[in-house]
């Protein structure tokens, strides 16, 4: 496989593009809300929209368009998307809420010390997951 083959493979480039768009939207929303540049938004998890949902749903959309919506490739991509979205809205969101509580306990404790606060914004609300999925479908449909 050459680099040209890699770049012409829409099953790779379009999901990556949808991930980038999701991260760009997070960056812009942060800029509007807090009026400051936070380049960490390009690589951080959590927030609106879910880049994990965008990348996996875009892949599923591309696979459906390329191989058919009854194909094994599409089925595998859809199942992967459901796992990722359930994890984002379930396990990772719960971990973020737990981190928030633990940070409060640590802050008010004299005995417990950590090097830095635990990361709170790990997961997504259902709306953030749906928005990421919609972005993935949009990118996959428009560019595939």
N, C-alpha and C. Protein backbone atom coordinates (compact mmCIF):
# COMPACT_ATOMS: atom_id res chain seq x y z
N UNK A 1 0.85 -1.18 0.00
CA UNK A 1 0.00 0.00 0.00
C UNK A 1 0.89 1.24 0.00
N UNK A 2 0.64 2.13 -0.92
CA UNK A 2 1.39 3.39 -0.98
C UNK A 2 0.63 4.47 -0.21
N UNK A 3 1.31 5.57 0.00
CA UNK A 3 0.67 6.70 0.69
C UNK A 3 -0.49 7.23 -0.14
N UNK A 4 -0.36 7.17 -1.45
CA UNK A 4 -1.43 7.59 -2.35
C UNK A 4 -2.66 6.71 -2.18
N UNK A 5 -2.45 5.39 -2.02
CA UNK A 5 -3.56 4.47 -1.78
C UNK A 5 -4.25 4.81 -0.46
N UNK A 6 -3.45 5.11 0.55
CA UNK A 6 -3.97 5.48 1.86
C UNK A 6 -4.85 6.71 1.75
N UNK A 7 -4.36 7.74 1.05
CA UNK A 7 -5.11 8.99 0.93
C UNK A 7 -6.36 8.86 0.07
N UNK A 8 -6.37 7.89 -0.85
CA UNK A 8 -7.55 7.73 -1.71
C UNK A 8 -8.59 6.79 -1.09
N UNK A 9 -8.28 6.18 0.05
CA UNK A 9 -9.20 5.26 0.71
C UNK A 9 -10.19 6.06 1.57
N UNK A 10 -11.40 6.21 1.07
CA UNK A 10 -12.41 7.02 1.78
C UNK A 10 -12.82 6.41 3.11
N UNK A 11 -12.63 5.11 3.26
CA UNK A 11 -12.96 4.46 4.54
C UNK A 11 -11.97 4.86 5.62
N UNK A 12 -10.86 5.44 5.23
CA UNK A 12 -9.87 5.97 6.18
C UNK A 12 -9.99 7.48 6.28
N UNK A 13 -9.95 8.15 5.13
CA UNK A 13 -9.87 9.61 5.13
C UNK A 13 -11.14 10.30 5.62
N UNK A 14 -12.31 9.79 5.23
CA UNK A 14 -13.54 10.47 5.65
C UNK A 14 -13.81 10.34 7.14
N UNK A 15 -13.64 9.16 7.76
CA UNK A 15 -13.78 9.13 9.22
C UNK A 15 -12.78 10.04 9.94
N UNK A 16 -11.55 10.09 9.47
CA UNK A 16 -10.57 10.99 10.08
C UNK A 16 -11.00 12.43 9.91
N UNK A 17 -11.53 12.76 8.73
CA UNK A 17 -12.03 14.12 8.48
C UNK A 17 -13.20 14.44 9.41
N UNK A 18 -14.11 13.48 9.63
CA UNK A 18 -15.24 13.73 10.53
C UNK A 18 -14.76 13.91 11.96
N UNK A 19 -13.73 13.14 12.37
CA UNK A 19 -13.13 13.32 13.70
C UNK A 19 -12.56 14.73 13.82
N UNK A 20 -11.82 15.17 12.78
CA UNK A 20 -11.23 16.51 12.80
C UNK A 20 -12.31 17.59 12.89
N UNK A 21 -13.39 17.43 12.12
CA UNK A 21 -14.48 18.41 12.18
C UNK A 21 -15.10 18.48 13.57
N UNK A 22 -15.29 17.32 14.19
CA UNK A 22 -15.85 17.30 15.55
C UNK A 22 -14.94 18.04 16.52
N UNK A 23 -13.64 17.78 16.42
CA UNK A 23 -12.68 18.46 17.30
C UNK A 23 -12.64 19.96 17.00
N UNK A 24 -12.75 20.33 15.72
CA UNK A 24 -12.77 21.75 15.35
C UNK A 24 -14.01 22.44 15.92
N UNK A 25 -15.14 21.76 15.88
CA UNK A 25 -16.37 22.32 16.45
C UNK A 25 -16.19 22.53 17.95
N UNK A 26 -15.58 21.56 18.65
CA UNK A 26 -15.31 21.72 20.09
C UNK A 26 -14.42 22.93 20.34
N UNK A 27 -13.39 23.10 19.51
CA UNK A 27 -12.47 24.23 19.63
C UNK A 27 -13.22 25.55 19.46
N UNK A 28 -14.07 25.63 18.43
CA UNK A 28 -14.82 26.85 18.15
C UNK A 28 -15.83 27.15 19.27
N UNK A 29 -16.53 26.12 19.74
CA UNK A 29 -17.49 26.32 20.84
C UNK A 29 -16.78 26.81 22.10
N UNK A 30 -15.61 26.27 22.37
CA UNK A 30 -14.82 26.72 23.53
C UNK A 30 -14.40 28.17 23.34
N UNK A 31 -13.98 28.52 22.14
CA UNK A 31 -13.56 29.89 21.85
C UNK A 31 -14.72 30.86 22.05
N UNK A 32 -15.91 30.48 21.60
CA UNK A 32 -17.08 31.33 21.75
C UNK A 32 -17.48 31.45 23.22
N UNK A 33 -17.50 30.31 23.92
CA UNK A 33 -17.97 30.30 25.31
C UNK A 33 -17.00 30.99 26.26
N UNK A 34 -15.70 30.67 26.15
CA UNK A 34 -14.71 31.17 27.11
C UNK A 34 -13.85 32.31 26.56
N UNK A 35 -14.01 32.60 25.27
CA UNK A 35 -13.25 33.68 24.62
C UNK A 35 -11.73 33.51 24.78
N UNK A 36 -11.29 32.25 24.65
CA UNK A 36 -9.86 31.99 24.68
C UNK A 36 -9.54 30.80 23.78
N UNK A 37 -8.32 30.79 23.27
CA UNK A 37 -7.87 29.69 22.42
C UNK A 37 -7.40 28.54 23.29
N UNK A 38 -7.99 27.37 23.08
CA UNK A 38 -7.59 26.18 23.82
C UNK A 38 -7.33 25.06 22.80
N UNK A 39 -6.07 24.98 22.36
CA UNK A 39 -5.71 24.02 21.32
C UNK A 39 -5.79 22.57 21.81
N UNK A 40 -5.92 22.36 23.11
CA UNK A 40 -6.10 21.00 23.64
C UNK A 40 -7.42 20.40 23.17
N UNK A 41 -8.37 21.25 22.78
CA UNK A 41 -9.67 20.76 22.30
C UNK A 41 -9.51 19.92 21.04
N UNK A 42 -8.40 20.09 20.32
CA UNK A 42 -8.17 19.29 19.12
C UNK A 42 -7.82 17.84 19.42
N UNK A 43 -7.41 17.56 20.64
CA UNK A 43 -7.02 16.18 20.98
C UNK A 43 -7.72 15.64 22.22
N UNK A 44 -8.51 16.45 22.91
CA UNK A 44 -9.14 15.99 24.14
C UNK A 44 -10.43 15.23 23.85
N UNK A 45 -10.82 14.42 24.81
CA UNK A 45 -12.08 13.66 24.68
C UNK A 45 -13.17 14.36 25.47
N UNK A 46 -14.40 14.00 25.18
CA UNK A 46 -15.54 14.62 25.84
C UNK A 46 -15.96 15.88 25.13
N UNK A 47 -17.15 16.34 25.42
CA UNK A 47 -17.64 17.59 24.84
C UNK A 47 -18.53 17.37 23.63
N UNK A 48 -18.97 18.48 23.07
CA UNK A 48 -19.93 18.50 21.96
C UNK A 48 -19.23 18.86 20.67
N UNK A 49 -19.41 18.05 19.64
CA UNK A 49 -20.04 16.73 19.53
C UNK A 49 -19.02 15.63 19.81
N UNK A 50 -19.49 14.42 19.95
CA UNK A 50 -18.61 13.28 20.21
C UNK A 50 -17.82 12.94 18.95
N UNK A 51 -16.50 13.10 19.01
CA UNK A 51 -15.66 12.75 17.86
C UNK A 51 -15.57 11.24 17.70
N UNK A 52 -15.69 10.50 18.81
CA UNK A 52 -15.69 9.03 18.72
C UNK A 52 -16.91 8.55 17.93
N UNK A 53 -18.06 9.15 18.21
CA UNK A 53 -19.27 8.79 17.45
C UNK A 53 -19.12 9.20 15.99
N UNK A 54 -18.59 10.39 15.76
CA UNK A 54 -18.44 10.88 14.39
C UNK A 54 -17.55 9.95 13.56
N UNK A 55 -16.42 9.54 14.11
CA UNK A 55 -15.48 8.72 13.33
C UNK A 55 -16.04 7.33 13.05
N UNK A 56 -16.70 6.71 14.04
CA UNK A 56 -17.20 5.35 13.82
C UNK A 56 -18.46 5.33 12.96
N UNK A 57 -19.34 6.29 13.14
CA UNK A 57 -20.56 6.33 12.33
C UNK A 57 -20.23 6.74 10.90
N UNK A 58 -19.24 7.60 10.72
CA UNK A 58 -18.81 7.94 9.36
C UNK A 58 -18.26 6.69 8.66
N UNK A 59 -17.47 5.91 9.37
CA UNK A 59 -16.95 4.66 8.81
C UNK A 59 -18.10 3.75 8.39
N UNK A 60 -19.10 3.60 9.26
CA UNK A 60 -20.25 2.75 8.94
C UNK A 60 -21.00 3.28 7.72
N UNK A 61 -21.14 4.59 7.64
CA UNK A 61 -21.82 5.20 6.50
C UNK A 61 -21.07 4.93 5.20
N UNK A 62 -19.77 5.12 5.22
CA UNK A 62 -18.93 4.86 4.04
C UNK A 62 -19.01 3.39 3.64
N UNK A 63 -18.95 2.50 4.63
CA UNK A 63 -19.03 1.06 4.34
C UNK A 63 -20.39 0.70 3.74
N UNK A 64 -21.46 1.31 4.25
CA UNK A 64 -22.79 1.06 3.71
C UNK A 64 -22.92 1.53 2.28
N UNK A 65 -22.40 2.71 2.00
CA UNK A 65 -22.46 3.26 0.64
C UNK A 65 -21.59 2.43 -0.31
N UNK A 66 -20.41 2.05 0.14
CA UNK A 66 -19.47 1.33 -0.74
C UNK A 66 -19.85 -0.13 -0.96
N UNK A 67 -20.23 -0.84 0.10
CA UNK A 67 -20.47 -2.28 0.01
C UNK A 67 -21.94 -2.67 0.09
N UNK A 68 -22.81 -1.72 0.40
CA UNK A 68 -24.24 -2.02 0.54
C UNK A 68 -24.63 -2.12 2.00
N UNK A 69 -25.84 -1.73 2.29
CA UNK A 69 -26.29 -1.69 3.68
C UNK A 69 -26.68 -3.07 4.21
N UNK A 70 -26.58 -4.09 3.37
CA UNK A 70 -26.78 -5.46 3.81
C UNK A 70 -25.48 -6.24 3.91
N UNK A 71 -24.35 -5.55 3.73
CA UNK A 71 -23.05 -6.22 3.69
C UNK A 71 -22.49 -6.48 5.09
N UNK A 72 -21.56 -7.42 5.14
CA UNK A 72 -20.87 -7.71 6.39
C UNK A 72 -20.01 -6.55 6.84
N UNK A 73 -19.41 -5.84 5.90
CA UNK A 73 -18.58 -4.67 6.23
C UNK A 73 -19.40 -3.60 6.94
N UNK A 74 -20.60 -3.37 6.43
CA UNK A 74 -21.48 -2.39 7.06
C UNK A 74 -21.91 -2.87 8.45
N UNK A 75 -22.26 -4.14 8.54
CA UNK A 75 -22.70 -4.69 9.83
C UNK A 75 -21.62 -4.57 10.90
N UNK A 76 -20.39 -4.92 10.55
CA UNK A 76 -19.28 -4.81 11.50
C UNK A 76 -19.10 -3.36 11.94
N UNK A 77 -19.17 -2.44 10.99
CA UNK A 77 -18.99 -1.02 11.30
C UNK A 77 -20.10 -0.49 12.20
N UNK A 78 -21.33 -0.93 11.97
CA UNK A 78 -22.46 -0.49 12.80
C UNK A 78 -22.30 -1.01 14.23
N UNK A 79 -21.95 -2.29 14.36
CA UNK A 79 -21.76 -2.86 15.70
C UNK A 79 -20.64 -2.13 16.44
N UNK A 80 -19.54 -1.86 15.75
CA UNK A 80 -18.43 -1.08 16.34
C UNK A 80 -18.93 0.29 16.79
N UNK A 81 -19.73 0.93 15.96
CA UNK A 81 -20.27 2.25 16.31
C UNK A 81 -21.12 2.20 17.57
N UNK A 82 -21.99 1.19 17.67
CA UNK A 82 -22.83 1.06 18.86
C UNK A 82 -22.00 0.83 20.11
N UNK A 83 -20.96 0.02 20.01
CA UNK A 83 -20.09 -0.22 21.17
C UNK A 83 -19.42 1.08 21.61
N UNK A 84 -18.88 1.82 20.65
CA UNK A 84 -18.19 3.07 20.96
C UNK A 84 -19.15 4.10 21.55
N UNK A 85 -20.33 4.23 20.97
CA UNK A 85 -21.29 5.22 21.47
C UNK A 85 -21.84 4.84 22.84
N UNK A 86 -22.08 3.56 23.07
CA UNK A 86 -22.53 3.12 24.39
C UNK A 86 -21.46 3.37 25.43
N UNK A 87 -20.21 3.12 25.08
CA UNK A 87 -19.09 3.37 25.98
C UNK A 87 -18.96 4.86 26.29
N UNK A 88 -19.08 5.69 25.26
CA UNK A 88 -18.94 7.15 25.45
C UNK A 88 -20.01 7.71 26.37
N UNK A 89 -21.26 7.25 26.18
CA UNK A 89 -22.37 7.78 26.97
C UNK A 89 -22.56 7.04 28.28
N UNK A 90 -21.97 5.87 28.41
CA UNK A 90 -22.16 5.06 29.61
C UNK A 90 -20.95 5.03 30.50
N UNK A 91 -20.03 4.14 30.19
CA UNK A 91 -18.87 3.90 31.05
C UNK A 91 -18.00 5.14 31.20
N UNK A 92 -17.63 5.77 30.08
CA UNK A 92 -16.73 6.93 30.19
C UNK A 92 -17.41 8.12 30.85
N UNK A 93 -18.71 8.28 30.63
CA UNK A 93 -19.44 9.37 31.28
C UNK A 93 -19.50 9.13 32.78
N UNK A 94 -19.77 7.88 33.18
CA UNK A 94 -19.80 7.53 34.60
C UNK A 94 -18.43 7.75 35.23
N UNK A 95 -17.37 7.39 34.53
CA UNK A 95 -16.02 7.60 35.05
C UNK A 95 -15.74 9.10 35.25
N UNK A 96 -16.24 9.92 34.35
CA UNK A 96 -16.08 11.36 34.49
C UNK A 96 -16.81 11.92 35.69
N UNK A 97 -18.02 11.41 35.93
CA UNK A 97 -18.78 11.85 37.11
C UNK A 97 -18.10 11.40 38.40
N UNK A 98 -17.55 10.18 38.38
CA UNK A 98 -16.82 9.69 39.55
C UNK A 98 -15.57 10.55 39.79
N UNK A 99 -14.89 10.92 38.73
CA UNK A 99 -13.70 11.77 38.86
C UNK A 99 -14.07 13.12 39.48
N UNK A 100 -15.21 13.65 39.11
CA UNK A 100 -15.67 14.93 39.68
C UNK A 100 -15.88 14.81 41.19
N UNK A 101 -16.51 13.73 41.62
CA UNK A 101 -16.75 13.51 43.05
C UNK A 101 -15.42 13.29 43.78
N UNK A 102 -14.56 12.47 43.21
CA UNK A 102 -13.25 12.22 43.84
C UNK A 102 -12.43 13.49 43.95
N UNK A 103 -12.47 14.34 42.94
CA UNK A 103 -11.74 15.62 43.01
C UNK A 103 -12.24 16.47 44.17
N UNK A 104 -13.55 16.47 44.40
CA UNK A 104 -14.11 17.23 45.53
C UNK A 104 -13.64 16.65 46.86
N UNK A 105 -13.64 15.32 46.96
CA UNK A 105 -13.17 14.66 48.18
C UNK A 105 -11.70 14.99 48.43
N UNK A 106 -10.90 14.88 47.38
CA UNK A 106 -9.46 15.16 47.49
C UNK A 106 -9.22 16.62 47.88
N UNK A 107 -9.98 17.53 47.28
CA UNK A 107 -9.81 18.96 47.55
C UNK A 107 -10.09 19.28 49.02
N UNK A 108 -11.06 18.61 49.62
CA UNK A 108 -11.44 18.89 50.99
C UNK A 108 -10.73 18.00 52.02
N UNK A 109 -9.86 17.15 51.57
CA UNK A 109 -9.16 16.24 52.48
C UNK A 109 -7.75 16.74 52.77
N UNK A 110 -7.33 16.54 53.98
CA UNK A 110 -5.95 16.88 54.36
C UNK A 110 -5.02 15.69 54.19
N UNK A 111 -5.59 14.49 54.19
CA UNK A 111 -4.78 13.27 54.12
C UNK A 111 -4.51 12.81 52.69
N UNK A 112 -5.45 13.06 51.80
CA UNK A 112 -5.31 12.55 50.43
C UNK A 112 -4.65 13.63 49.56
N UNK A 113 -3.59 13.25 48.89
CA UNK A 113 -2.89 14.17 47.98
C UNK A 113 -2.63 13.46 46.66
N UNK A 114 -2.83 14.18 45.57
CA UNK A 114 -2.53 13.66 44.23
C UNK A 114 -1.73 14.72 43.48
N UNK A 115 -1.03 14.28 42.45
CA UNK A 115 -0.21 15.21 41.66
C UNK A 115 -1.06 16.23 40.90
N UNK A 116 -2.18 15.74 40.35
CA UNK A 116 -3.08 16.64 39.64
C UNK A 116 -4.50 16.09 39.73
N UNK A 117 -5.48 16.95 39.42
CA UNK A 117 -6.88 16.54 39.48
C UNK A 117 -7.16 15.46 38.45
N UNK A 118 -8.14 14.63 38.76
CA UNK A 118 -8.59 13.61 37.83
C UNK A 118 -9.37 14.27 36.70
N UNK A 119 -9.27 13.73 35.50
CA UNK A 119 -9.96 14.30 34.35
C UNK A 119 -11.46 14.03 34.45
N UNK A 120 -12.25 15.08 34.40
CA UNK A 120 -13.69 14.97 34.57
C UNK A 120 -14.40 14.77 33.23
N UNK A 121 -13.99 15.49 32.21
CA UNK A 121 -14.70 15.45 30.93
C UNK A 121 -14.20 14.28 30.09
N UNK A 122 -14.67 13.09 30.40
CA UNK A 122 -14.25 11.88 29.70
C UNK A 122 -15.30 11.41 28.71
N UNK A 123 -16.54 11.42 29.11
CA UNK A 123 -17.61 10.85 28.31
C UNK A 123 -18.51 11.90 27.70
N UNK A 124 -19.67 11.45 27.28
CA UNK A 124 -20.60 12.32 26.57
C UNK A 124 -22.02 12.14 27.05
N UNK A 125 -22.80 13.19 26.91
CA UNK A 125 -24.23 13.09 27.11
C UNK A 125 -24.82 12.42 25.87
N UNK A 126 -26.03 11.88 25.98
CA UNK A 126 -26.65 11.30 24.79
C UNK A 126 -26.77 12.29 23.62
N UNK A 127 -27.04 13.55 23.90
CA UNK A 127 -27.14 14.57 22.85
C UNK A 127 -25.80 14.74 22.13
N UNK A 128 -24.70 14.74 22.89
CA UNK A 128 -23.37 14.87 22.28
C UNK A 128 -23.05 13.66 21.40
N UNK A 129 -23.47 12.47 21.83
CA UNK A 129 -23.26 11.25 21.05
C UNK A 129 -24.08 11.30 19.76
N UNK A 130 -25.33 11.71 19.86
CA UNK A 130 -26.20 11.81 18.68
C UNK A 130 -25.67 12.86 17.71
N UNK A 131 -25.20 13.99 18.24
CA UNK A 131 -24.65 15.04 17.37
C UNK A 131 -23.41 14.53 16.63
N UNK A 132 -22.56 13.78 17.32
CA UNK A 132 -21.38 13.20 16.67
C UNK A 132 -21.78 12.20 15.60
N UNK A 133 -22.78 11.37 15.90
CA UNK A 133 -23.27 10.40 14.92
C UNK A 133 -23.84 11.11 13.69
N UNK A 134 -24.60 12.17 13.91
CA UNK A 134 -25.17 12.95 12.80
C UNK A 134 -24.06 13.55 11.95
N UNK A 135 -23.02 14.05 12.58
CA UNK A 135 -21.88 14.60 11.85
C UNK A 135 -21.22 13.52 11.00
N UNK A 136 -21.05 12.33 11.58
CA UNK A 136 -20.46 11.22 10.84
C UNK A 136 -21.29 10.81 9.63
N UNK A 137 -22.59 10.76 9.81
CA UNK A 137 -23.49 10.42 8.69
C UNK A 137 -23.39 11.49 7.61
N UNK A 138 -23.40 12.76 8.03
CA UNK A 138 -23.33 13.87 7.09
C UNK A 138 -22.04 13.81 6.26
N UNK A 139 -20.91 13.67 6.93
CA UNK A 139 -19.62 13.62 6.21
C UNK A 139 -19.57 12.41 5.29
N UNK A 140 -19.99 11.26 5.79
CA UNK A 140 -19.97 10.04 4.97
C UNK A 140 -20.87 10.14 3.76
N UNK A 141 -22.05 10.72 3.95
CA UNK A 141 -23.01 10.83 2.86
C UNK A 141 -22.58 11.86 1.81
N UNK A 142 -22.12 12.99 2.28
CA UNK A 142 -21.78 14.08 1.35
C UNK A 142 -20.51 13.76 0.55
N UNK A 143 -19.52 13.16 1.18
CA UNK A 143 -18.22 13.00 0.52
C UNK A 143 -17.95 11.60 -0.03
N UNK A 144 -18.76 10.60 0.32
CA UNK A 144 -18.51 9.25 -0.19
C UNK A 144 -19.08 9.11 -1.56
